[in-house]
C-alpha atoms as a PDB file:
ATOM      1  CA  MET A   1       0.065   0.037  -0.114  1.00  0.00           C
ATOM      2  CA  LYS A   2       1.216   3.121  -0.978  1.00  0.00           C
ATOM      3  CA  ILE A   3       2.356   5.682   2.039  1.00  0.00           C
ATOM      4  CA  TYR A   4       0.058   8.632   1.240  1.00  0.00           C
ATOM      5  CA  THR A   5      -3.015   6.007   1.272  1.00  0.00           C
ATOM      6  CA  CYS A   6      -1.663   4.528   4.495  1.00  0.00           C
ATOM      7  CA  LEU A   7      -1.341   7.616   6.200  1.00  0.00           C
ATOM      8  CA  LEU A   8      -5.143   8.086   6.206  1.00  0.00           C
ATOM      9  CA  LEU A   9      -6.004   4.037   6.445  1.00  0.00           C
ATOM     10  CA  CYS A  10      -3.788   3.746   9.834  1.00  0.00           C
ATOM     11  CA  CYS A  11      -4.951   6.718  11.447  1.00  0.00           C
ATOM     12  CA  PHE A  12      -8.641   5.630  11.264  1.00  0.00           C
ATOM     13  CA  LEU A  13      -7.956   2.101  12.549  1.00  0.00           C
ATOM     14  CA  ASN A  14      -5.169   2.648  15.072  1.00  0.00           C
ATOM     15  CA  GLY A  15      -6.116   6.552  15.852  1.00  0.00           C
ATOM     16  CA  ASN A  16      -2.719   7.787  15.504  1.00  0.00           C
ATOM     17  CA  ILE A  17       0.231   7.079  13.441  1.00  0.00           C
ATOM     18  CA  SER A  18       3.764   8.754  13.493  1.00  0.00           C
ATOM     19  CA  VAL A  19       5.857   8.329  10.132  1.00  0.00           C
ATOM     20  CA  ALA A  20       9.715   8.985  10.677  1.00  0.00           C
ATOM     21  CA  GLN A  21      12.109  10.900   8.440  1.00  0.00           C
ATOM     22  CA  ASN A  22      15.017   9.918   6.516  1.00  0.00           C
ATOM     23  CA  GLU A  23      17.635  10.536   9.311  1.00  0.00           C
ATOM     24  CA  TYR A  24      21.142   8.947   8.420  1.00  0.00           C
ATOM     25  CA  GLY A  25      23.185   8.141   5.251  1.00  0.00           C
ATOM     26  CA  LEU A  26      26.601   7.152   4.691  1.00  0.00           C
ATOM     27  CA  GLN A  27      30.087   9.047   3.590  1.00  0.00           C
ATOM     28  CA  PHE A  28      32.597   7.564   1.510  1.00  0.00           C
ATOM     29  CA  ASP A  29      36.211   8.701   1.506  1.00  0.00           C
ATOM     30  CA  GLY A  30      37.142   7.693  -2.102  1.00  0.00           C
ATOM     31  CA  VAL A  31      40.233   5.709  -0.789  1.00  0.00           C
ATOM     32  CA  ASN A  32      39.160   2.292  -0.010  1.00  0.00           C
ATOM     33  CA  ASP A  33      36.083   2.181   1.920  1.00  0.00           C
ATOM     34  CA  PHE A  34      32.777   0.384   0.832  1.00  0.00           C
ATOM     35  CA  VAL A  35      29.718  -1.611   2.122  1.00  0.00           C
ATOM     36  CA  ASP A  36      29.344  -5.296   1.031  1.00  0.00           C
ATOM     37  CA  CYS A  37      26.419  -6.718   0.772  1.00  0.00           C
ATOM     38  CA  GLY A  38      27.809 -10.348  -0.222  1.00  0.00           C
ATOM     39  CA  VAL A  39      26.347 -12.213  -3.124  1.00  0.00           C
ATOM     40  CA  PRO A  40      22.539 -11.678  -3.076  1.00  0.00           C
ATOM     41  CA  ALA A  41      20.640 -14.727  -3.978  1.00  0.00           C
ATOM     42  CA  GLY A  42      18.248 -14.618  -6.813  1.00  0.00           C
ATOM     43  CA  TYR A  43      19.793 -11.585  -8.208  1.00  0.00           C
ATOM     44  CA  VAL A  44      18.623 -12.447 -12.035  1.00  0.00           C
ATOM     45  CA  PHE A  45      17.204  -9.450 -13.915  1.00  0.00           C
ATOM     46  CA  ASP A  46      15.322  -9.025 -17.056  1.00  0.00           C
ATOM     47  CA  ASP A  47      13.738  -5.812 -15.971  1.00  0.00           C
ATOM     48  CA  LEU A  48      15.562  -3.679 -13.996  1.00  0.00           C
ATOM     49  CA  THR A  49      15.476  -0.327 -11.730  1.00  0.00           C
ATOM     50  CA  MET A  50      18.361   0.902  -9.476  1.00  0.00           C
ATOM     51  CA  MET A  51      17.769   4.157  -7.271  1.00  0.00           C
ATOM     52  CA  CYS A  52      19.798   5.974  -4.593  1.00  0.00           C
ATOM     53  CA  TRP A  53      20.427   9.621  -3.501  1.00  0.00           C
ATOM     54  CA  VAL A  54      23.829  10.864  -3.860  1.00  0.00           C
ATOM     55  CA  LYS A  55      26.066  13.940  -2.739  1.00  0.00           C
ATOM     56  CA  THR A  56      29.400  14.656  -3.701  1.00  0.00           C
ATOM     57  CA  THR A  57      31.938  17.533  -4.912  1.00  0.00           C
ATOM     58  CA  ALA A  58      34.443  15.073  -6.231  1.00  0.00           C
ATOM     59  CA  ALA A  59      36.284  15.651  -9.359  1.00  0.00           C
ATOM     60  CA  PRO A  60      38.279  12.844  -9.968  1.00  0.00           C
ATOM     61  CA  SER A  61      40.379  11.543 -12.976  1.00  0.00           C
ATOM     62  CA  SER A  62      38.582   8.463 -13.131  1.00  0.00           C
ATOM     63  CA  TYR A  63      34.907   6.851 -12.553  1.00  0.00           C
ATOM     64  CA  GLN A  64      33.680   6.180  -9.004  1.00  0.00           C
ATOM     65  CA  ALA A  65      31.304   3.565  -7.868  1.00  0.00           C
ATOM     66  CA  LEU A  66      27.839   4.152  -6.191  1.00  0.00           C
ATOM     67  CA  VAL A  67      26.127   0.903  -6.458  1.00  0.00           C
ATOM     68  CA  ALA A  68      27.573  -1.793  -8.438  1.00  0.00           C
ATOM     69  CA  LYS A  69      27.240  -5.907  -9.166  1.00  0.00           C
ATOM     70  CA  ASP A  70      30.289  -6.048 -11.355  1.00  0.00           C
ATOM     71  CA  GLY A  71      31.523  -9.296 -12.573  1.00  0.00           C
ATOM     72  CA  PHE A  72      33.054  -8.272 -15.811  1.00  0.00           C
ATOM     73  CA  THR A  73      30.173 -10.005 -18.004  1.00  0.00           C
ATOM     74  CA  SER A  74      26.103  -9.280 -17.017  1.00  0.00           C
ATOM     75  CA  ASP A  75      26.597  -6.816 -14.402  1.00  0.00           C
ATOM     76  CA  PHE A  76      25.067  -3.438 -13.925  1.00  0.00           C
ATOM     77  CA  SER A  77      25.854  -0.585 -11.774  1.00  0.00           C
ATOM     78  CA  LEU A  78      25.176   3.103 -11.103  1.00  0.00           C
ATOM     79  CA  LEU A  79      28.447   5.048 -11.298  1.00  0.00           C
ATOM     80  CA  ALA A  80      29.621   8.662 -10.802  1.00  0.00           C
ATOM     81  CA  HIS A  81      32.098  10.559 -13.266  1.00  0.00           C
ATOM     82  CA  HIS A  82      32.331   7.490 -15.814  1.00  0.00           C
ATOM     83  CA  THR A  83      32.380   9.485 -18.993  1.00  0.00           C
ATOM     84  CA  ASN A  84      32.867  13.086 -17.785  1.00  0.00           C
ATOM     85  CA  ILE A  85      33.460  14.364 -14.257  1.00  0.00           C
ATOM     86  CA  GLY A  86      30.285  15.023 -12.783  1.00  0.00           C
ATOM     87  CA  ASP A  87      28.177  12.964 -14.651  1.00  0.00           C
ATOM     88  CA  ILE A  88      25.888   9.765 -13.498  1.00  0.00           C
ATOM     89  CA  THR A  89      26.204   6.483 -15.527  1.00  0.00           C
ATOM     90  CA  PHE A  90      23.756   3.407 -15.594  1.00  0.00           C
ATOM     91  CA  GLY A  91      25.067   0.730 -17.216  1.00  0.00           C
ATOM     92  CA  GLY A  92      27.101  -2.448 -17.521  1.00  0.00           C
ATOM     93  CA  ASP A  93      28.170  -5.338 -19.566  1.00  0.00           C
ATOM     94  CA  GLY A  94      25.466  -6.925 -21.420  1.00  0.00           C
ATOM     95  CA  LEU A  95      23.428  -4.190 -20.203  1.00  0.00           C
ATOM     96  CA  GLY A  96      24.200  -1.289 -22.509  1.00  0.00           C
ATOM     97  CA  GLN A  97      25.387   2.262 -21.319  1.00  0.00           C
ATOM     98  CA  LEU A  98      23.933   5.674 -20.845  1.00  0.00           C
ATOM     99  CA  SER A  99      25.330   8.907 -19.119  1.00  0.00           C
ATOM    100  CA  GLY A 100      24.381  12.264 -18.550  1.00  0.00           C
ATOM    101  CA  GLY A 101      24.108  15.442 -16.145  1.00  0.00           C
ATOM    102  CA  VAL A 102      25.997  17.017 -13.813  1.00  0.00           C
ATOM    103  CA  ILE A 103      25.776  16.025  -9.689  1.00  0.00           C
ATOM    104  CA  ASN A 104      28.904  17.072  -7.808  1.00  0.00           C
ATOM    105  CA  ASP A 105      28.042  20.332  -6.871  1.00  0.00           C
ATOM    106  CA  GLY A 106      27.318  19.566  -3.205  1.00  0.00           C
ATOM    107  CA  ILE A 107      24.050  19.168  -3.448  1.00  0.00           C
ATOM    108  CA  TRP A 108      21.554  15.823  -2.954  1.00  0.00           C
ATOM    109  CA  HIS A 109      20.512  14.259  -5.970  1.00  0.00           C
ATOM    110  CA  PHE A 110      18.319  11.490  -6.610  1.00  0.00           C
ATOM    111  CA  VAL A 111      19.653   9.092  -9.583  1.00  0.00           C
ATOM    112  CA  ALA A 112      17.434   6.098 -11.128  1.00  0.00           C
ATOM    113  CA  GLY A 113      18.436   3.661 -13.849  1.00  0.00           C
ATOM    114  CA  THR A 114      15.709   1.474 -15.527  1.00  0.00           C
ATOM    115  CA  ARG A 115      16.058  -1.436 -17.990  1.00  0.00           C
ATOM    116  CA  ASP A 116      13.086  -2.747 -19.872  1.00  0.00           C
ATOM    117  CA  GLY A 117      14.374  -6.406 -20.492  1.00  0.00           C
ATOM    118  CA  SER A 118      11.980  -7.241 -23.341  1.00  0.00           C
ATOM    119  CA  THR A 119      13.215  -4.292 -25.775  1.00  0.00           C
ATOM    120  CA  GLY A 120      16.568  -3.448 -23.880  1.00  0.00           C
ATOM    121  CA  LYS A 121      15.642   0.103 -23.587  1.00  0.00           C
ATOM    122  CA  LEU A 122      17.580   1.873 -20.796  1.00  0.00           C
ATOM    123  CA  LYS A 123      16.462   5.156 -19.171  1.00  0.00           C
ATOM    124  CA  LEU A 124      18.622   7.500 -16.771  1.00  0.00           C
ATOM    125  CA  TYR A 125      16.620  10.017 -14.437  1.00  0.00           C
ATOM    126  CA  ILE A 126      18.023  12.652 -12.133  1.00  0.00           C
ATOM    127  CA  ASP A 127      15.996  14.214  -9.537  1.00  0.00           C
ATOM    128  CA  GLY A 128      13.037  12.606 -11.447  1.00  0.00           C
ATOM    129  CA  ILE A 129      13.745  13.789 -14.826  1.00  0.00           C
ATOM    130  CA  LEU A 130      14.536  11.504 -17.633  1.00  0.00           C
ATOM    131  CA  ILE A 131      17.856  12.814 -18.856  1.00  0.00           C
ATOM    132  CA  ASP A 132      18.772  10.050 -21.383  1.00  0.00           C
ATOM    133  CA  SER A 133      17.565   7.065 -23.164  1.00  0.00           C
ATOM    134  CA  THR A 134      19.288   4.406 -25.359  1.00  0.00           C
ATOM    135  CA  SER A 135      18.555   0.851 -26.259  1.00  0.00           C
ATOM    136  CA  GLY A 136      20.712  -2.255 -24.997  1.00  0.00           C
ATOM    137  CA  GLY A 137      21.234  -5.996 -24.553  1.00  0.00           C
ATOM    138  CA  THR A 138      18.232  -7.941 -23.669  1.00  0.00           C
ATOM    139  CA  ASP A 139      19.704 -10.889 -22.221  1.00  0.00           C
ATOM    140  CA  PRO A 140      18.959 -11.990 -18.149  1.00  0.00           C
ATOM    141  CA  LEU A 141      21.745  -9.844 -16.070  1.00  0.00           C
ATOM    142  CA  SER A 142      23.008 -12.278 -13.495  1.00  0.00           C
ATOM    143  CA  ASN A 143      26.617 -12.857 -11.947  1.00  0.00           C
ATOM    144  CA  SER A 144      28.145 -14.474  -9.175  1.00  0.00           C
ATOM    145  CA  GLU A 145      29.763 -10.989  -7.662  1.00  0.00           C
ATOM    146  CA  HIS A 146      29.150  -9.447  -4.623  1.00  0.00           C
ATOM    147  CA  LEU A 147      26.880  -6.349  -4.440  1.00  0.00           C
ATOM    148  CA  HIS A 148      29.006  -3.366  -3.312  1.00  0.00           C
ATOM    149  CA  PHE A 149      27.803   0.390  -2.393  1.00  0.00           C
ATOM    150  CA  GLY A 150      30.853   2.628  -3.070  1.00  0.00           C
ATOM    151  CA  LYS A 151      33.128  -0.101  -4.946  1.00  0.00           C
ATOM    152  CA  TYR A 152      33.712  -0.884  -8.512  1.00  0.00           C
ATOM    153  CA  HIS A 153      35.535  -3.239 -10.305  1.00  0.00           C
ATOM    154  CA  PRO A 154      36.774  -6.533  -8.547  1.00  0.00           C
ATOM    155  CA  SER A 155      40.596  -6.636  -9.692  1.00  0.00           C
ATOM    156  CA  ASN A 156      41.064  -2.913 -10.109  1.00  0.00           C
ATOM    157  CA  PRO A 157      38.863  -1.046  -7.605  1.00  0.00           C
ATOM    158  CA  HIS A 158      37.404   2.586  -7.896  1.00  0.00           C
ATOM    159  CA  TYR A 159      36.038   4.102  -4.711  1.00  0.00           C
ATOM    160  CA  TYR A 160      33.582   6.725  -4.240  1.00  0.00           C
ATOM    161  CA  GLN A 161      34.352  10.081  -2.388  1.00  0.00           C
ATOM    162  CA  GLY A 162      30.863  11.173  -1.159  1.00  0.00           C
ATOM    163  CA  SER A 163      27.700  10.240   0.236  1.00  0.00           C
ATOM    164  CA  LEU A 164      25.106   7.995  -0.461  1.00  0.00           C
ATOM    165  CA  ASP A 165      21.273   7.226   1.118  1.00  0.00           C
ATOM    166  CA  GLU A 166      18.308   5.250   0.262  1.00  0.00           C
ATOM    167  CA  ILE A 167      19.435   2.717  -2.090  1.00  0.00           C
ATOM    168  CA  SER A 168      17.096   0.612  -3.572  1.00  0.00           C
ATOM    169  CA  ILE A 169      17.062  -2.271  -6.455  1.00  0.00           C
ATOM    170  CA  TRP A 170      13.971  -3.523  -8.357  1.00  0.00           C
ATOM    171  CA  ASP A 171      13.462  -6.468 -10.614  1.00  0.00           C
ATOM    172  CA  ILE A 172      10.700  -4.300 -12.491  1.00  0.00           C
ATOM    173  CA  GLU A 173      10.988  -1.033 -14.531  1.00  0.00           C
ATOM    174  CA  LEU A 174       9.588   1.441 -12.479  1.00  0.00           C
ATOM    175  CA  THR A 175       7.569   4.387 -14.546  1.00  0.00           C
ATOM    176  CA  ALA A 176       8.698   8.016 -14.167  1.00  0.00           C
ATOM    177  CA  ALA A 177       5.547   8.675 -11.644  1.00  0.00           C
ATOM    178  CA  GLN A 178       6.947   5.863  -9.682  1.00  0.00           C
ATOM    179  CA  ILE A 179      10.346   7.448  -9.453  1.00  0.00           C
ATOM    180  CA  LEU A 180       9.065  10.688  -8.615  1.00  0.00           C
ATOM    181  CA  PHE A 181       7.032   9.123  -5.832  1.00  0.00           C
ATOM    182  CA  TYR A 182       9.655   7.351  -4.192  1.00  0.00           C
ATOM    183  CA  MET A 183      11.765  10.489  -4.850  1.00  0.00           C
ATOM    184  CA  VAL A 184       9.706  11.884  -2.045  1.00  0.00           C
ATOM    185  CA  ASN A 185       8.543   8.480  -0.077  1.00  0.00           C
ATOM    186  CA  CYS A 186      10.491   5.762   1.186  1.00  0.00           C
ATOM    187  CA  PRO A 187       9.683   2.290   0.376  1.00  0.00           C
ATOM    188  CA  ALA A 188       8.203   0.343   2.956  1.00  0.00           C
ATOM    189  CA  GLY A 189      10.414  -2.718   1.908  1.00  0.00           C
ATOM    190  CA  ASN A 190       7.594  -5.124   0.759  1.00  0.00           C
ATOM    191  CA  GLU A 191       6.597  -3.467  -2.345  1.00  0.00           C
ATOM    192  CA  VAL A 192       5.874  -5.619  -5.563  1.00  0.00           C
ATOM    193  CA  GLY A 193       9.141  -5.930  -7.325  1.00  0.00           C
ATOM    194  CA  LEU A 194      11.651  -4.428  -4.441  1.00  0.00           C
ATOM    195  CA  LYS A 195      14.614  -7.114  -4.526  1.00  0.00           C
ATOM    196  CA  GLY A 196      16.683  -4.860  -2.199  1.00  0.00           C
ATOM    197  CA  TYR A 197      16.112  -1.763   0.322  1.00  0.00           C
ATOM    198  CA  TRP A 198      18.710  -0.042   2.409  1.00  0.00           C
ATOM    199  CA  SER A 199      17.513   3.114   3.957  1.00  0.00           C
ATOM    200  CA  LEU A 200      20.801   3.500   5.919  1.00  0.00           C
ATOM    201  CA  ASP A 201      19.080   5.187   8.915  1.00  0.00           C
ATOM    202  CA  GLU A 202      20.645   2.705  11.717  1.00  0.00           C
ATOM    203  CA  GLY A 203      23.094   5.805  12.413  1.00  0.00           C
ATOM    204  CA  THR A 204      25.596   3.602  14.401  1.00  0.00           C
ATOM    205  CA  GLY A 205      27.520   0.413  14.114  1.00  0.00           C
ATOM    206  CA  GLY A 206      28.644  -1.698  10.996  1.00  0.00           C
ATOM    207  CA  THR A 207      25.797  -3.199   9.309  1.00  0.00           C
ATOM    208  CA  ALA A 208      23.813  -1.332   6.653  1.00  0.00           C
ATOM    209  CA  ASN A 209      20.297  -3.485   7.068  1.00  0.00           C
ATOM    210  CA  ASP A 210      18.486  -4.587   3.892  1.00  0.00           C
ATOM    211  CA  ALA A 211      14.815  -3.806   5.018  1.00  0.00           C
ATOM    212  CA  THR A 212      13.115  -6.452   2.653  1.00  0.00           C
ATOM    213  CA  ASN A 213      12.669 -10.206   3.378  1.00  0.00           C
ATOM    214  CA  ASN A 214      15.667 -11.152   1.343  1.00  0.00           C
ATOM    215  CA  ASN A 215      17.906  -9.893   4.083  1.00  0.00           C
ATOM    216  CA  ASN A 216      20.901  -9.257   2.152  1.00  0.00           C
ATOM    217  CA  ASP A 217      22.570  -6.910   4.787  1.00  0.00           C
ATOM    218  CA  GLY A 218      25.617  -4.895   3.869  1.00  0.00           C
ATOM    219  CA  ILE A 219      29.031  -4.566   6.244  1.00  0.00           C
ATOM    220  CA  LEU A 220      30.576  -1.069   6.130  1.00  0.00           C
ATOM    221  CA  LEU A 221      34.429  -1.888   5.471  1.00  0.00           C
ATOM    222  CA  ASN A 222      37.550   0.420   5.876  1.00  0.00           C
ATOM    223  CA  GLY A 223      36.121   3.181   7.552  1.00  0.00           C
ATOM    224  CA  VAL A 224      32.724   4.057   6.106  1.00  0.00           C
ATOM    225  CA  LEU A 225      31.066   6.734   8.231  1.00  0.00           C
ATOM    226  CA  TRP A 226      27.378   7.594   9.062  1.00  0.00           C
ATOM    227  CA  THR A 227      26.342  11.174   8.454  1.00  0.00           C
ATOM    228  CA  SER A 228      23.123  12.780   9.536  1.00  0.00           C
ATOM    229  CA  ASP A 229      23.577  15.108   6.294  1.00  0.00           C
ATOM    230  CA  THR A 230      20.752  13.304   4.393  1.00  0.00           C
ATOM    231  CA  PRO A 231      18.324  14.488   1.653  1.00  0.00           C
ATOM    232  CA  SER A 232      14.610  15.672   2.640  1.00  0.00           C
ATOM    233  CA  THR A 233      12.763  12.080   1.902  1.00  0.00           C
ATOM    234  CA  CYS A 234       9.876  10.397   3.454  1.00  0.00           C
ATOM    235  CA  ILE A 235       6.795  11.787   4.987  1.00  0.00           C
ATOM    236  CA  LEU A 236       7.328  13.553   8.603  1.00  0.00           C
ATOM    237  CA  ALA A 237       3.694  13.803  10.188  1.00  0.00           C
ATOM    238  CA  ASP A 238       2.138  12.713  13.305  1.00  0.00           C
ATOM    239  CA  VAL A 239      -1.397  11.713  12.623  1.00  0.00           C
ATOM    240  CA  SER A 240      -4.447  11.266  15.276  1.00  0.00           C
ATOM    241  CA  ILE A 241      -8.168  11.626  15.215  1.00  0.00           C
ATOM    242  CA  GLU A 242      -9.195  14.433  17.695  1.00  0.00           C
ATOM    243  CA  GLN A 243     -12.669  14.794  18.366  1.00  0.00           C
ATOM    244  CA  ALA A 244     -13.728  13.290  14.926  1.00  0.00           C
ATOM    245  CA  ASP A 245     -11.164  16.000  13.209  1.00  0.00           C
ATOM    246  CA  LEU A 246      -8.367  14.331  11.166  1.00  0.00           C
ATOM    247  CA  TYR A 247      -4.947  16.071  12.729  1.00  0.00           C
ATOM    248  CA  ILE A 248      -2.150  16.168  11.027  1.00  0.00           C
ATOM    249  CA  LYS A 249       0.905  17.459  12.953  1.00  0.00           C
ATOM    250  CA  SER A 250       4.399  18.703  11.466  1.00  0.00           C
ATOM    251  CA  LEU A 251       3.631  17.950   8.351  1.00  0.00           C
ATOM    252  CA  THR A 252       6.949  18.449   5.816  1.00  0.00           C
ATOM    253  CA  LYS A 253       5.608  17.366   2.761  1.00  0.00           C
ATOM    254  CA  GLY A 254       1.917  17.435   1.564  1.00  0.00           C
ATOM    255  CA  ILE A 255      -0.724  15.305   0.999  1.00  0.00           C
ATOM    256  CA  ILE A 256      -1.751  13.633  -2.282  1.00  0.00           C
ATOM    257  CA  MET A 257      -5.344  13.040  -2.894  1.00  0.00           C
ATOM    258  CA  LYS A 258      -7.189  11.764  -6.676  1.00  0.00           C
ATOM    259  CA  SER A 259      -9.861  13.780  -7.773  1.00  0.00           C
ATOM    260  CA  PRO A 260     -12.848  11.924  -9.308  1.00  0.00           C
ATOM    261  CA  ASP A 261     -11.886  12.790 -12.699  1.00  0.00           C
ATOM    262  CA  GLY A 262      -8.447  10.709 -12.086  1.00  0.00           C
ATOM    263  CA  GLN A 263      -6.135  13.755 -11.543  1.00  0.00           C
ATOM    264  CA  CYS A 264      -3.833  13.643  -8.888  1.00  0.00           C
ATOM    265  CA  TRP A 265      -3.005  16.825  -6.739  1.00  0.00           C
ATOM    266  CA  LYS A 266      -0.865  17.693  -3.761  1.00  0.00           C
ATOM    267  CA  ILE A 267      -2.169  19.959  -1.025  1.00  0.00           C
ATOM    268  CA  MET A 268       0.197  21.920   0.948  1.00  0.00           C
ATOM    269  CA  VAL A 269       0.051  24.403   3.983  1.00  0.00           C
ATOM    270  CA  SER A 270       2.687  27.342   4.746  1.00  0.00           C
ATOM    271  CA  ASN A 271       3.392  28.397   8.286  1.00  0.00           C
ATOM    272  CA  SER A 272       0.737  31.236   7.688  1.00  0.00           C
ATOM    273  CA  GLY A 273      -2.103  28.882   6.956  1.00  0.00           C
ATOM    274  CA  THR A 274      -2.040  29.438   3.524  1.00  0.00           C
ATOM    275  CA  MET A 275      -3.208  26.298   1.218  1.00  0.00           C
ATOM    276  CA  SER A 276      -1.729  25.401  -2.130  1.00  0.00           C
ATOM    277  CA  THR A 277      -2.641  22.921  -4.541  1.00  0.00           C
ATOM    278  CA  VAL A 278      -0.252  21.616  -7.111  1.00  0.00           C
ATOM    279  CA  SER A 279      -1.167  18.924  -9.852  1.00  0.00           C
ATOM    280  CA  ILE A 280       1.265  16.186 -10.248  1.00  0.00           C
ATOM    281  CA  ALA A 281       1.510  12.935 -11.613  1.00  0.00           C
ATOM    282  CA  CYS A 282      -0.540  10.064  -9.869  1.00  0.00           C
ATOM    283  CA  PRO A 283       1.771   7.269  -8.041  1.00  0.00           C
ATOM    284  CA  ASN A 284       1.175   3.917  -9.315  1.00  0.00           C
END
């Protein structure tokens, strides 16, 4: 169930619900630190979506890894600075490749790569905007290598300098509307097609937990740091029923509602009590 629906439903069922905000992420030094999620079982992909938040000011002479399962053949990854300094690349051997955008400005950016396994169509999104698309291979993607955050290439590693947050991998091709939805709302962990989701909100310790039932937890190696500098994602609200009124306390985002004609609208309120409404793409 989508978060914007659950917010209201849980309120009426339980009387009160609090939805936590995104509190922590991971910071990498670009020297040798990374997260190792081991060899995930069942990671064979036709359709594919990879997403994460990224923040960096690095301008290295070679590419750096964000999220990668690199096995020389039939691999897939999100990389930074692969073609040009500051760009994002989605691709791999057997997958194809496309690059674009500039993200090394010290600002959080939401990056996503998708693949349609039947056509080989690849799409790259930055901050919910389609940057580029191309055609690639259609063979299933599968290898026996480890899934890494911040590290790419087993024999000649390339490491990432910057921060990561809210990493997810799916065995479906998310639509543009769904990507926009998850840019604001964090997955619950049980969504259809979600193969791995690391919210990176532990804030302490040496493990990044996979919130799905696949339990592909990541081990922090060589000094990866927790950081409280995070993007503004997830709904932060305290919701209750007060004398038959729906009371939404400290809402930092908005409420998405669908009108009878099928259009979706986001409703927000300012500190002065002014209501504003904007038309948005309906989450699927």
